[in-house]
Amino acid sequence: MLGKLTAPLEKMAPHDFKRKFHAWWEGEDYIPVPEEISDADLGETPRDAAPQTLAEDVLTMAIAQVIWGSGYLQPCTDKYLADMTHSLSLTSDTDLAILGAGLGGSARDLALQSGATICAYENNAATLAEAEKICAQTDAADSIALQSYDPNTVELPEQAYDALVSFERFFAVREKQRLLNQAELSLRPGGYLLITDYVSTNAEVDEGAWDHVLASADGEINLSSVEDYVTMISEAGFGLRVQEDITHDYLNLIQQGATCWTKLLTGLENADSAIQAKIFQAVGKEQALWAQRLEALQSGKLAVYRFLALKPGAAS
């Protein structure tokens, strides 16, 4: 199916476990490393070394890519990405900004689909480092610039972009209005703003109730309603063109990952080492998170919306 645990995550696990895992996932026979090949040649932990501790963020990134695709931490497909961005009319003449680049999958795929020049902003240092490796391996590497930022304090360059997009990341931004104001400043006249995000549909639900459902590496959940978004986008100076409930499409993407979760959990069920046990625990934790999101979306208390807005001025 895919080799997302082999590269560019270079040290998924010591003692050749990475290759064993990949062989199992692909349904291939595992062939032990020949003795004449050194550990230095493999770039792996020496086979006689003591077990190492796997960083939780490394595990999370590896598992997410198995489920959602290389370069993605959340549900996405090429078709879904194209559908979400078709109104932007991206071309090789487009300067595009992405707020919340994640592992760089959307930057890579949009660059390959359209030829656009992309500046992708990411606030998580470990994620950004991995995104740089992923994007460097694509044919569109020269079209992508990755940059660290703090979404709550960033000063975006003025009138630098023709379009700006963000996919399910604004829910973890504390200063949404400020960031939307910065987005408006960064767009050229006639530029497009596209946001897809989780929104609350039930005013009676305590905001803190979403913390475990939308657990984020960004560390904070600041869920807004559709009405909140409409107001904030307008106050930032945009003309809102589309507010669309895309929950059904997003649910389908989550459910498409069901067979992958089953295979991962079943394959790791008989974990017999500390490393494998930790991977099994991480898989279970990530699967539980998405099961909770699925339930919340199906309940109608949480939704995913697409907002498309235009900065007044010349035609884009």
C-alpha atoms as a PDB file:
ATOM      1  CA  MET A   1       0.000   0.000   0.000  1.00  0.00           C
ATOM      2  CA  LEU A   2       2.698   2.492   0.977  1.00  0.00           C
ATOM      3  CA  GLY A   3       6.028   2.871   2.691  1.00  0.00           C
ATOM      4  CA  LYS A   4       5.294   5.783   4.951  1.00  0.00           C
ATOM      5  CA  LEU A   5       7.167   4.396   7.920  1.00  0.00           C
ATOM      6  CA  THR A   6      10.441   3.960   6.069  1.00  0.00           C
ATOM      7  CA  ALA A   7      11.309   7.498   5.006  1.00  0.00           C
ATOM      8  CA  PRO A   8      11.880  10.236   5.748  1.00  0.00           C
ATOM      9  CA  LEU A   9      11.276   9.231   9.379  1.00  0.00           C
ATOM     10  CA  GLU A  10      14.759   7.808   9.701  1.00  0.00           C
ATOM     11  CA  LYS A  11      14.645   6.199  13.142  1.00  0.00           C
ATOM     12  CA  MET A  12      11.222   4.720  13.618  1.00  0.00           C
ATOM     13  CA  ALA A  13      12.713   2.060  15.880  1.00  0.00           C
ATOM     14  CA  PRO A  14      16.061   0.427  16.607  1.00  0.00           C
ATOM     15  CA  HIS A  15      17.108  -3.160  15.910  1.00  0.00           C
ATOM     16  CA  ASP A  16      15.779  -3.237  12.337  1.00  0.00           C
ATOM     17  CA  PHE A  17      12.170  -2.987  13.556  1.00  0.00           C
ATOM     18  CA  LYS A  18      11.448  -0.306  10.972  1.00  0.00           C
ATOM     19  CA  ARG A  19      12.165  -2.734   8.121  1.00  0.00           C
ATOM     20  CA  LYS A  20      10.174  -5.502   9.795  1.00  0.00           C
ATOM     21  CA  PHE A  21       7.216  -3.159  10.215  1.00  0.00           C
ATOM     22  CA  HIS A  22       7.388  -2.040   6.599  1.00  0.00           C
ATOM     23  CA  ALA A  23       7.585  -5.613   5.321  1.00  0.00           C
ATOM     24  CA  TRP A  24       4.549  -6.577   7.407  1.00  0.00           C
ATOM     25  CA  TRP A  25       2.576  -3.532   6.265  1.00  0.00           C
ATOM     26  CA  GLU A  26       3.330  -4.133   2.572  1.00  0.00           C
ATOM     27  CA  GLY A  27       2.644  -7.884   2.855  1.00  0.00           C
ATOM     28  CA  GLU A  28       6.227  -8.677   1.891  1.00  0.00           C
ATOM     29  CA  ASP A  29       8.674 -11.195   3.320  1.00  0.00           C
ATOM     30  CA  TYR A  30      11.038  -9.718   5.867  1.00  0.00           C
ATOM     31  CA  ILE A  31      14.679 -10.244   4.867  1.00  0.00           C
ATOM     32  CA  PRO A  32      17.139  -9.692   7.734  1.00  0.00           C
ATOM     33  CA  VAL A  33      19.943  -7.215   7.180  1.00  0.00           C
ATOM     34  CA  PRO A  34      23.009  -9.068   5.836  1.00  0.00           C
ATOM     35  CA  GLU A  35      25.857  -9.085   8.324  1.00  0.00           C
ATOM     36  CA  GLU A  36      28.225  -7.468   5.825  1.00  0.00           C
ATOM     37  CA  ILE A  37      26.015  -4.349   5.718  1.00  0.00           C
ATOM     38  CA  SER A  38      26.976  -2.085   8.577  1.00  0.00           C
ATOM     39  CA  ASP A  39      24.593  -0.171  10.776  1.00  0.00           C
ATOM     40  CA  ALA A  40      26.274   3.023   9.589  1.00  0.00           C
ATOM     41  CA  ASP A  41      25.340   2.113   5.994  1.00  0.00           C
ATOM     42  CA  LEU A  42      21.729   1.707   7.068  1.00  0.00           C
ATOM     43  CA  GLY A  43      21.666   4.908   9.091  1.00  0.00           C
ATOM     44  CA  GLU A  44      19.992   2.943  11.882  1.00  0.00           C
ATOM     45  CA  THR A  45      20.665   2.229  15.521  1.00  0.00           C
ATOM     46  CA  PRO A  46      23.351  -0.490  15.926  1.00  0.00           C
ATOM     47  CA  ARG A  47      21.761  -3.896  16.316  1.00  0.00           C
ATOM     48  CA  ASP A  48      23.557  -4.563  19.580  1.00  0.00           C
ATOM     49  CA  ALA A  49      22.715  -1.191  21.096  1.00  0.00           C
ATOM     50  CA  ALA A  50      20.458  -0.792  24.097  1.00  0.00           C
ATOM     51  CA  PRO A  51      16.781  -0.075  23.301  1.00  0.00           C
ATOM     52  CA  GLN A  52      16.063   3.582  22.694  1.00  0.00           C
ATOM     53  CA  THR A  53      13.070   5.670  23.666  1.00  0.00           C
ATOM     54  CA  LEU A  54      10.909   6.659  20.718  1.00  0.00           C
ATOM     55  CA  ALA A  55       9.701  10.243  20.787  1.00  0.00           C
ATOM     56  CA  GLU A  56       5.914  10.458  20.881  1.00  0.00           C
ATOM     57  CA  ASP A  57       5.822  13.049  18.108  1.00  0.00           C
ATOM     58  CA  VAL A  58       7.843  10.752  15.829  1.00  0.00           C
ATOM     59  CA  LEU A  59       5.384   7.933  16.432  1.00  0.00           C
ATOM     60  CA  THR A  60       2.398  10.182  15.856  1.00  0.00           C
ATOM     61  CA  MET A  61       3.791  11.447  12.563  1.00  0.00           C
ATOM     62  CA  ALA A  62       4.606   7.934  11.377  1.00  0.00           C
ATOM     63  CA  ILE A  63       1.204   6.518  12.282  1.00  0.00           C
ATOM     64  CA  ALA A  64      -0.672   9.467  10.746  1.00  0.00           C
ATOM     65  CA  GLN A  65       1.092   8.975   7.425  1.00  0.00           C
ATOM     66  CA  VAL A  66       0.198   5.292   7.351  1.00  0.00           C
ATOM     67  CA  ILE A  67      -3.468   6.207   7.757  1.00  0.00           C
ATOM     68  CA  TRP A  68      -3.835   9.481   5.835  1.00  0.00           C
ATOM     69  CA  GLY A  69      -1.000   9.465   3.329  1.00  0.00           C
ATOM     70  CA  SER A  70       2.587  10.614   3.039  1.00  0.00           C
ATOM     71  CA  GLY A  71       2.927  14.167   4.312  1.00  0.00           C
ATOM     72  CA  TYR A  72      -0.428  14.281   6.120  1.00  0.00           C
ATOM     73  CA  LEU A  73      -1.425  14.344   9.779  1.00  0.00           C
ATOM     74  CA  GLN A  74      -5.164  14.351   9.020  1.00  0.00           C
ATOM     75  CA  PRO A  75      -7.625  13.034   6.432  1.00  0.00           C
ATOM     76  CA  CYS A  76      -6.918  14.114   2.861  1.00  0.00           C
ATOM     77  CA  THR A  77      -6.750  12.798  -0.697  1.00  0.00           C
ATOM     78  CA  ASP A  78      -5.633  14.393  -3.963  1.00  0.00           C
ATOM     79  CA  LYS A  79      -9.264  14.704  -5.065  1.00  0.00           C
ATOM     80  CA  TYR A  80     -10.383  16.223  -1.767  1.00  0.00           C
ATOM     81  CA  LEU A  81      -7.566  18.781  -1.913  1.00  0.00           C
ATOM     82  CA  ALA A  82      -8.406  19.655  -5.520  1.00  0.00           C
ATOM     83  CA  ASP A  83     -12.109  20.004  -4.683  1.00  0.00           C
ATOM     84  CA  MET A  84     -11.414  22.281  -1.720  1.00  0.00           C
ATOM     85  CA  THR A  85      -9.130  24.596  -3.721  1.00  0.00           C
ATOM     86  CA  HIS A  86     -10.719  24.573  -7.191  1.00  0.00           C
ATOM     87  CA  SER A  87     -12.203  28.077  -6.703  1.00  0.00           C
ATOM     88  CA  LEU A  88      -8.715  29.524  -6.227  1.00  0.00           C
ATOM     89  CA  SER A  89      -7.762  28.825  -9.866  1.00  0.00           C
ATOM     90  CA  LEU A  90      -4.162  28.128  -8.871  1.00  0.00           C
ATOM     91  CA  THR A  91      -1.567  28.391 -11.644  1.00  0.00           C
ATOM     92  CA  SER A  92       2.192  28.663 -11.995  1.00  0.00           C
ATOM     93  CA  ASP A  93       1.759  32.432 -11.615  1.00  0.00           C
ATOM     94  CA  THR A  94       0.109  32.099  -8.181  1.00  0.00           C
ATOM     95  CA  ASP A  95       1.871  32.947  -4.932  1.00  0.00           C
ATOM     96  CA  LEU A  96       0.116  30.843  -2.285  1.00  0.00           C
ATOM     97  CA  ALA A  97       0.488  30.826   1.494  1.00  0.00           C
ATOM     98  CA  ILE A  98      -0.518  27.903   3.718  1.00  0.00           C
ATOM     99  CA  LEU A  99      -1.072  28.549   7.421  1.00  0.00           C
ATOM    100  CA  GLY A 100      -0.480  25.313   9.312  1.00  0.00           C
ATOM    101  CA  ALA A 101       1.519  23.291   6.789  1.00  0.00           C
ATOM    102  CA  GLY A 102       1.688  20.161   8.932  1.00  0.00           C
ATOM    103  CA  LEU A 103       4.005  17.617   7.330  1.00  0.00           C
ATOM    104  CA  GLY A 104       3.915  19.478   4.023  1.00  0.00           C
ATOM    105  CA  GLY A 105       1.602  17.135   2.141  1.00  0.00           C
ATOM    106  CA  SER A 106      -0.795  19.870   1.059  1.00  0.00           C
ATOM    107  CA  ALA A 107       2.078  22.165   0.006  1.00  0.00           C
ATOM    108  CA  ARG A 108       3.673  19.380  -2.000  1.00  0.00           C
ATOM    109  CA  ASP A 109       0.457  18.266  -3.694  1.00  0.00           C
ATOM    110  CA  LEU A 110      -0.805  21.777  -4.482  1.00  0.00           C
ATOM    111  CA  ALA A 111       2.580  22.676  -5.954  1.00  0.00           C
ATOM    112  CA  LEU A 112       2.544  19.545  -8.104  1.00  0.00           C
ATOM    113  CA  GLN A 113      -1.089  20.042  -9.167  1.00  0.00           C
ATOM    114  CA  SER A 114      -0.830  23.730 -10.060  1.00  0.00           C
ATOM    115  CA  GLY A 115       2.801  24.790 -10.272  1.00  0.00           C
ATOM    116  CA  ALA A 116       2.089  27.546  -7.747  1.00  0.00           C
ATOM    117  CA  THR A 117       4.871  29.039  -5.637  1.00  0.00           C
ATOM    118  CA  ILE A 118       4.076  28.219  -2.016  1.00  0.00           C
ATOM    119  CA  CYS A 119       5.145  29.630   1.340  1.00  0.00           C
ATOM    120  CA  ALA A 120       4.050  27.123   3.988  1.00  0.00           C
ATOM    121  CA  TYR A 121       3.973  28.198   7.629  1.00  0.00           C
ATOM    122  CA  GLU A 122       4.129  25.686  10.503  1.00  0.00           C
ATOM    123  CA  ASN A 123       4.364  26.370  14.240  1.00  0.00           C
ATOM    124  CA  ASN A 124       5.420  22.940  15.545  1.00  0.00           C
ATOM    125  CA  ALA A 125       9.210  22.592  15.341  1.00  0.00           C
ATOM    126  CA  ALA A 126       9.319  18.785  15.062  1.00  0.00           C
ATOM    127  CA  THR A 127       6.605  18.774  12.409  1.00  0.00           C
ATOM    128  CA  LEU A 128       8.361  21.517  10.447  1.00  0.00           C
ATOM    129  CA  ALA A 129      11.639  19.588  10.459  1.00  0.00           C
ATOM    130  CA  GLU A 130       9.897  16.527   9.044  1.00  0.00           C
ATOM    131  CA  ALA A 131       7.997  18.618   6.482  1.00  0.00           C
ATOM    132  CA  GLU A 132      11.302  19.970   5.194  1.00  0.00           C
ATOM    133  CA  LYS A 133      12.488  16.416   4.509  1.00  0.00           C
ATOM    134  CA  ILE A 134       9.241  15.444   2.797  1.00  0.00           C
ATOM    135  CA  CYS A 135       9.068  18.529   0.587  1.00  0.00           C
ATOM    136  CA  ALA A 136      12.753  18.259  -0.329  1.00  0.00           C
ATOM    137  CA  GLN A 137      12.029  14.863  -1.907  1.00  0.00           C
ATOM    138  CA  THR A 138       9.371  16.154  -4.307  1.00  0.00           C
ATOM    139  CA  ASP A 139       9.789  17.434  -7.855  1.00  0.00           C
ATOM    140  CA  ALA A 140       8.215  20.694  -6.670  1.00  0.00           C
ATOM    141  CA  ALA A 141      10.828  21.295  -3.961  1.00  0.00           C
ATOM    142  CA  ASP A 142      12.043  24.519  -5.586  1.00  0.00           C
ATOM    143  CA  SER A 143       8.490  25.912  -5.466  1.00  0.00           C
ATOM    144  CA  ILE A 144       8.012  25.403  -1.705  1.00  0.00           C
ATOM    145  CA  ALA A 145       9.418  27.499   1.121  1.00  0.00           C
ATOM    146  CA  LEU A 146       8.705  26.288   4.655  1.00  0.00           C
ATOM    147  CA  GLN A 147       8.760  28.758   7.512  1.00  0.00           C
ATOM    148  CA  SER A 148       8.278  28.667  11.276  1.00  0.00           C
ATOM    149  CA  TYR A 149       5.628  30.946  12.756  1.00  0.00           C
ATOM    150  CA  ASP A 150       3.472  31.588  15.786  1.00  0.00           C
ATOM    151  CA  PRO A 151      -0.130  31.948  14.560  1.00  0.00           C
ATOM    152  CA  ASN A 152      -0.982  34.214  17.492  1.00  0.00           C
ATOM    153  CA  THR A 153       1.803  36.754  16.916  1.00  0.00           C
ATOM    154  CA  VAL A 154       2.960  36.370  13.284  1.00  0.00           C
ATOM    155  CA  GLU A 155       3.494  39.450  11.115  1.00  0.00           C
ATOM    156  CA  LEU A 156       2.806  38.306   7.561  1.00  0.00           C
ATOM    157  CA  PRO A 157       4.405  40.182   4.643  1.00  0.00           C
ATOM    158  CA  GLU A 158       2.099  42.782   3.091  1.00  0.00           C
ATOM    159  CA  GLN A 159       0.462  42.034  -0.279  1.00  0.00           C
ATOM    160  CA  ALA A 160       2.771  39.062  -0.862  1.00  0.00           C
ATOM    161  CA  TYR A 161       0.224  36.397  -1.858  1.00  0.00           C
ATOM    162  CA  ASP A 162      -2.565  35.813  -4.353  1.00  0.00           C
ATOM    163  CA  ALA A 163      -4.253  33.253  -2.114  1.00  0.00           C
ATOM    164  CA  LEU A 164      -3.998  32.010   1.455  1.00  0.00           C
ATOM    165  CA  VAL A 165      -5.323  28.695   2.744  1.00  0.00           C
ATOM    166  CA  SER A 166      -5.566  26.803   6.027  1.00  0.00           C
ATOM    167  CA  PHE A 167      -6.865  23.268   6.524  1.00  0.00           C
ATOM    168  CA  GLU A 168      -8.296  22.348   9.958  1.00  0.00           C
ATOM    169  CA  ARG A 169      -5.823  24.380  11.980  1.00  0.00           C
ATOM    170  CA  PHE A 170      -7.624  27.577  12.987  1.00  0.00           C
ATOM    171  CA  PHE A 171      -9.485  25.741  15.779  1.00  0.00           C
ATOM    172  CA  ALA A 172      -6.194  25.757  17.721  1.00  0.00           C
ATOM    173  CA  VAL A 173      -5.484  29.472  17.192  1.00  0.00           C
ATOM    174  CA  ARG A 174      -6.170  31.737  20.160  1.00  0.00           C
ATOM    175  CA  GLU A 175      -5.998  35.060  18.290  1.00  0.00           C
ATOM    176  CA  LYS A 176      -8.168  34.188  15.286  1.00  0.00           C
ATOM    177  CA  GLN A 177      -9.243  37.764  14.547  1.00  0.00           C
ATOM    178  CA  ARG A 178      -5.661  38.963  14.593  1.00  0.00           C
ATOM    179  CA  LEU A 179      -4.551  36.160  12.264  1.00  0.00           C
ATOM    180  CA  LEU A 180      -7.410  36.894   9.859  1.00  0.00           C
ATOM    181  CA  ASN A 181      -6.406  40.564   9.877  1.00  0.00           C
ATOM    182  CA  GLN A 182      -2.850  39.518   9.033  1.00  0.00           C
ATOM    183  CA  ALA A 183      -4.158  37.284   6.249  1.00  0.00           C
ATOM    184  CA  GLU A 184      -6.003  40.250   4.737  1.00  0.00           C
ATOM    185  CA  LEU A 185      -2.856  42.389   4.851  1.00  0.00           C
ATOM    186  CA  SER A 186      -0.791  39.635   3.231  1.00  0.00           C
ATOM    187  CA  LEU A 187      -3.112  39.214   0.246  1.00  0.00           C
ATOM    188  CA  ARG A 188      -2.993  41.292  -2.905  1.00  0.00           C
ATOM    189  CA  PRO A 189      -6.219  43.016  -3.989  1.00  0.00           C
ATOM    190  CA  GLY A 190      -8.581  40.370  -5.340  1.00  0.00           C
ATOM    191  CA  GLY A 191      -6.790  37.637  -3.398  1.00  0.00           C
ATOM    192  CA  TYR A 192      -8.635  34.645  -1.965  1.00  0.00           C
ATOM    193  CA  LEU A 193      -8.813  33.353   1.598  1.00  0.00           C
ATOM    194  CA  LEU A 194      -9.783  29.676   2.024  1.00  0.00           C
ATOM    195  CA  ILE A 195     -10.264  28.082   5.436  1.00  0.00           C
ATOM    196  CA  THR A 196     -11.567  24.639   6.293  1.00  0.00           C
ATOM    197  CA  ASP A 197     -12.029  24.111  10.002  1.00  0.00           C
ATOM    198  CA  TYR A 198     -13.896  22.400  12.813  1.00  0.00           C
ATOM    199  CA  VAL A 199     -16.773  24.510  14.117  1.00  0.00           C
ATOM    200  CA  SER A 200     -19.111  24.177  17.081  1.00  0.00           C
ATOM    201  CA  THR A 201     -22.796  23.795  16.218  1.00  0.00           C
ATOM    202  CA  ASN A 202     -24.109  23.627  19.787  1.00  0.00           C
ATOM    203  CA  ALA A 203     -23.851  26.735  21.954  1.00  0.00           C
ATOM    204  CA  GLU A 204     -24.800  24.722  25.050  1.00  0.00           C
ATOM    205  CA  VAL A 205     -21.694  22.531  24.881  1.00  0.00           C
ATOM    206  CA  ASP A 206     -18.933  23.757  27.172  1.00  0.00           C
ATOM    207  CA  GLU A 207     -15.868  24.673  25.118  1.00  0.00           C
ATOM    208  CA  GLY A 208     -13.624  22.650  27.414  1.00  0.00           C
ATOM    209  CA  ALA A 209     -15.536  19.542  26.381  1.00  0.00           C
ATOM    210  CA  TRP A 210     -13.736  19.627  23.038  1.00  0.00           C
ATOM    211  CA  ASP A 211     -10.241  19.423  24.507  1.00  0.00           C
ATOM    212  CA  HIS A 212     -10.044  15.613  24.388  1.00  0.00           C
ATOM    213  CA  VAL A 213     -11.864  15.363  21.038  1.00  0.00           C
ATOM    214  CA  LEU A 214      -9.697  17.898  19.235  1.00  0.00           C
ATOM    215  CA  ALA A 215      -6.462  17.258  21.116  1.00  0.00           C
ATOM    216  CA  SER A 216      -3.796  19.175  19.243  1.00  0.00           C
ATOM    217  CA  ALA A 217      -0.021  19.348  19.206  1.00  0.00           C
ATOM    218  CA  ASP A 218      -0.545  23.109  19.357  1.00  0.00           C
ATOM    219  CA  GLY A 219      -1.708  22.650  22.936  1.00  0.00           C
ATOM    220  CA  GLU A 220      -4.877  24.738  22.952  1.00  0.00           C
ATOM    221  CA  ILE A 221      -8.394  24.420  21.556  1.00  0.00           C
ATOM    222  CA  ASN A 222     -10.312  27.579  20.645  1.00  0.00           C
ATOM    223  CA  LEU A 223     -13.360  26.344  18.776  1.00  0.00           C
ATOM    224  CA  SER A 224     -15.576  28.913  17.042  1.00  0.00           C
ATOM    225  CA  SER A 225     -19.071  28.725  15.568  1.00  0.00           C
ATOM    226  CA  VAL A 226     -20.034  29.387  11.955  1.00  0.00           C
ATOM    227  CA  GLU A 227     -21.503  32.708  13.075  1.00  0.00           C
ATOM    228  CA  ASP A 228     -18.201  33.604  14.758  1.00  0.00           C
ATOM    229  CA  TYR A 229     -16.328  32.922  11.530  1.00  0.00           C
ATOM    230  CA  VAL A 230     -18.734  34.980   9.433  1.00  0.00           C
ATOM    231  CA  THR A 231     -18.273  37.931  11.784  1.00  0.00           C
ATOM    232  CA  MET A 232     -14.479  37.627  12.034  1.00  0.00           C
ATOM    233  CA  ILE A 233     -13.977  37.256   8.272  1.00  0.00           C
ATOM    234  CA  SER A 234     -16.144  40.321   7.657  1.00  0.00           C
ATOM    235  CA  GLU A 235     -14.350  42.381  10.312  1.00  0.00           C
ATOM    236  CA  ALA A 236     -11.016  41.489   8.712  1.00  0.00           C
ATOM    237  CA  GLY A 237     -12.203  43.229   5.533  1.00  0.00           C
ATOM    238  CA  PHE A 238     -13.064  40.225   3.372  1.00  0.00           C
ATOM    239  CA  GLY A 239     -16.161  39.614   1.324  1.00  0.00           C
ATOM    240  CA  LEU A 240     -17.428  36.136   2.223  1.00  0.00           C
ATOM    241  CA  ARG A 241     -18.336  34.153  -0.887  1.00  0.00           C
ATOM    242  CA  VAL A 242     -18.900  30.623   0.449  1.00  0.00           C
ATOM    243  CA  GLN A 243     -19.748  29.089   3.820  1.00  0.00           C
ATOM    244  CA  GLU A 244     -20.235  25.414   3.140  1.00  0.00           C
ATOM    245  CA  ASP A 245     -20.820  22.460   5.449  1.00  0.00           C
ATOM    246  CA  ILE A 246     -18.366  19.786   4.250  1.00  0.00           C
ATOM    247  CA  THR A 247     -18.848  17.458   7.236  1.00  0.00           C
ATOM    248  CA  HIS A 248     -20.198  14.638   5.060  1.00  0.00           C
ATOM    249  CA  ASP A 249     -17.094  14.663   2.850  1.00  0.00           C
ATOM    250  CA  TYR A 250     -14.810  14.786   5.884  1.00  0.00           C
ATOM    251  CA  LEU A 251     -16.639  11.893   7.532  1.00  0.00           C
ATOM    252  CA  ASN A 252     -16.056   9.831   4.411  1.00  0.00           C
ATOM    253  CA  LEU A 253     -12.332  10.580   4.570  1.00  0.00           C
ATOM    254  CA  ILE A 254     -12.141   9.487   8.220  1.00  0.00           C
ATOM    255  CA  GLN A 255     -14.065   6.308   7.536  1.00  0.00           C
ATOM    256  CA  GLN A 256     -11.773   5.446   4.633  1.00  0.00           C
ATOM    257  CA  GLY A 257      -8.995   5.030   7.176  1.00  0.00           C
ATOM    258  CA  ALA A 258     -10.915   2.338   9.110  1.00  0.00           C
ATOM    259  CA  THR A 259      -9.260  -0.619   7.381  1.00  0.00           C
ATOM    260  CA  CYS A 260      -5.810   0.867   8.014  1.00  0.00           C
ATOM    261  CA  TRP A 261      -6.526   1.260  11.736  1.00  0.00           C
ATOM    262  CA  THR A 262      -7.720  -2.339  11.931  1.00  0.00           C
ATOM    263  CA  LYS A 263      -4.628  -3.638  10.193  1.00  0.00           C
ATOM    264  CA  LEU A 264      -2.296  -1.596  12.366  1.00  0.00           C
ATOM    265  CA  LEU A 265      -3.932  -2.619  15.643  1.00  0.00           C
ATOM    266  CA  THR A 266      -4.208  -6.278  14.649  1.00  0.00           C
ATOM    267  CA  GLY A 267      -0.633  -6.440  13.420  1.00  0.00           C
ATOM    268  CA  LEU A 268       0.757  -4.952  16.627  1.00  0.00           C
ATOM    269  CA  GLU A 269      -1.488  -6.919  18.965  1.00  0.00           C
ATOM    270  CA  ASN A 270       1.237  -9.329  20.008  1.00  0.00           C
ATOM    271  CA  ALA A 271       3.858  -6.710  20.765  1.00  0.00           C
ATOM    272  CA  ASP A 272       6.790  -8.435  22.447  1.00  0.00           C
ATOM    273  CA  SER A 273       9.196  -5.595  23.102  1.00  0.00           C
ATOM    274  CA  ALA A 274       9.159  -2.213  24.779  1.00  0.00           C
ATOM    275  CA  ILE A 275       9.490  -0.491  21.398  1.00  0.00           C
ATOM    276  CA  GLN A 276       6.677  -2.434  19.788  1.00  0.00           C
ATOM    277  CA  ALA A 277       4.491  -1.990  22.848  1.00  0.00           C
ATOM    278  CA  LYS A 278       5.001   1.770  22.705  1.00  0.00           C
ATOM    279  CA  ILE A 279       4.055   1.814  19.024  1.00  0.00           C
ATOM    280  CA  PHE A 280       0.944  -0.230  19.800  1.00  0.00           C
ATOM    281  CA  GLN A 281       0.010   2.219  22.558  1.00  0.00           C
ATOM    282  CA  ALA A 282       0.520   5.208  20.236  1.00  0.00           C
ATOM    283  CA  VAL A 283      -1.574   3.598  17.491  1.00  0.00           C
ATOM    284  CA  GLY A 284      -4.372   2.961  19.973  1.00  0.00           C
ATOM    285  CA  LYS A 285      -4.239   6.525  21.279  1.00  0.00           C
ATOM    286  CA  GLU A 286      -4.373   8.039  17.796  1.00  0.00           C
ATOM    287  CA  GLN A 287      -7.171   5.701  16.722  1.00  0.00           C
ATOM    288  CA  ALA A 288      -9.195   6.637  19.803  1.00  0.00           C
ATOM    289  CA  LEU A 289      -8.754  10.334  19.000  1.00  0.00           C
ATOM    290  CA  TRP A 290     -10.162   9.911  15.511  1.00  0.00           C
ATOM    291  CA  ALA A 291     -12.958   7.675  16.759  1.00  0.00           C
ATOM    292  CA  GLN A 292     -13.979  10.496  19.130  1.00  0.00           C
ATOM    293  CA  ARG A 293     -13.884  13.035  16.316  1.00  0.00           C
ATOM    294  CA  LEU A 294     -15.955  10.743  14.132  1.00  0.00           C
ATOM    295  CA  GLU A 295     -18.553  10.375  16.876  1.00  0.00           C
ATOM    296  CA  ALA A 296     -18.663  14.131  17.517  1.00  0.00           C
ATOM    297  CA  LEU A 297     -19.117  14.890  13.824  1.00  0.00           C
ATOM    298  CA  GLN A 298     -21.826  12.253  13.463  1.00  0.00           C
ATOM    299  CA  SER A 299     -23.644  13.647  16.507  1.00  0.00           C
ATOM    300  CA  GLY A 300     -24.054  17.023  14.800  1.00  0.00           C
ATOM    301  CA  LYS A 301     -22.474  18.921  17.707  1.00  0.00           C
ATOM    302  CA  LEU A 302     -19.287  19.389  15.708  1.00  0.00           C
ATOM    303  CA  ALA A 303     -18.977  20.144  12.003  1.00  0.00           C
ATOM    304  CA  VAL A 304     -16.352  20.901   9.371  1.00  0.00           C
ATOM    305  CA  TYR A 305     -16.936  24.013   7.265  1.00  0.00           C
ATOM    306  CA  ARG A 306     -15.299  25.554   4.233  1.00  0.00           C
ATOM    307  CA  PHE A 307     -15.080  29.345   4.113  1.00  0.00           C
ATOM    308  CA  LEU A 308     -14.065  31.126   0.914  1.00  0.00           C
ATOM    309  CA  ALA A 309     -13.594  34.898   1.008  1.00  0.00           C
ATOM    310  CA  LEU A 310     -12.259  37.565  -1.319  1.00  0.00           C
ATOM    311  CA  LYS A 311     -10.166  40.632  -0.571  1.00  0.00           C
ATOM    312  CA  PRO A 312     -11.754  43.606  -2.326  1.00  0.00           C
ATOM    313  CA  GLY A 313      -9.871  45.035  -5.272  1.00  0.00           C
ATOM    314  CA  ALA A 314      -8.858  44.025  -8.762  1.00  0.00           C
ATOM    315  CA  ALA A 315     -10.077  40.710 -10.138  1.00  0.00           C
ATOM    316  CA  SER A 316      -7.995  37.764  -8.998  1.00  0.00           C
END
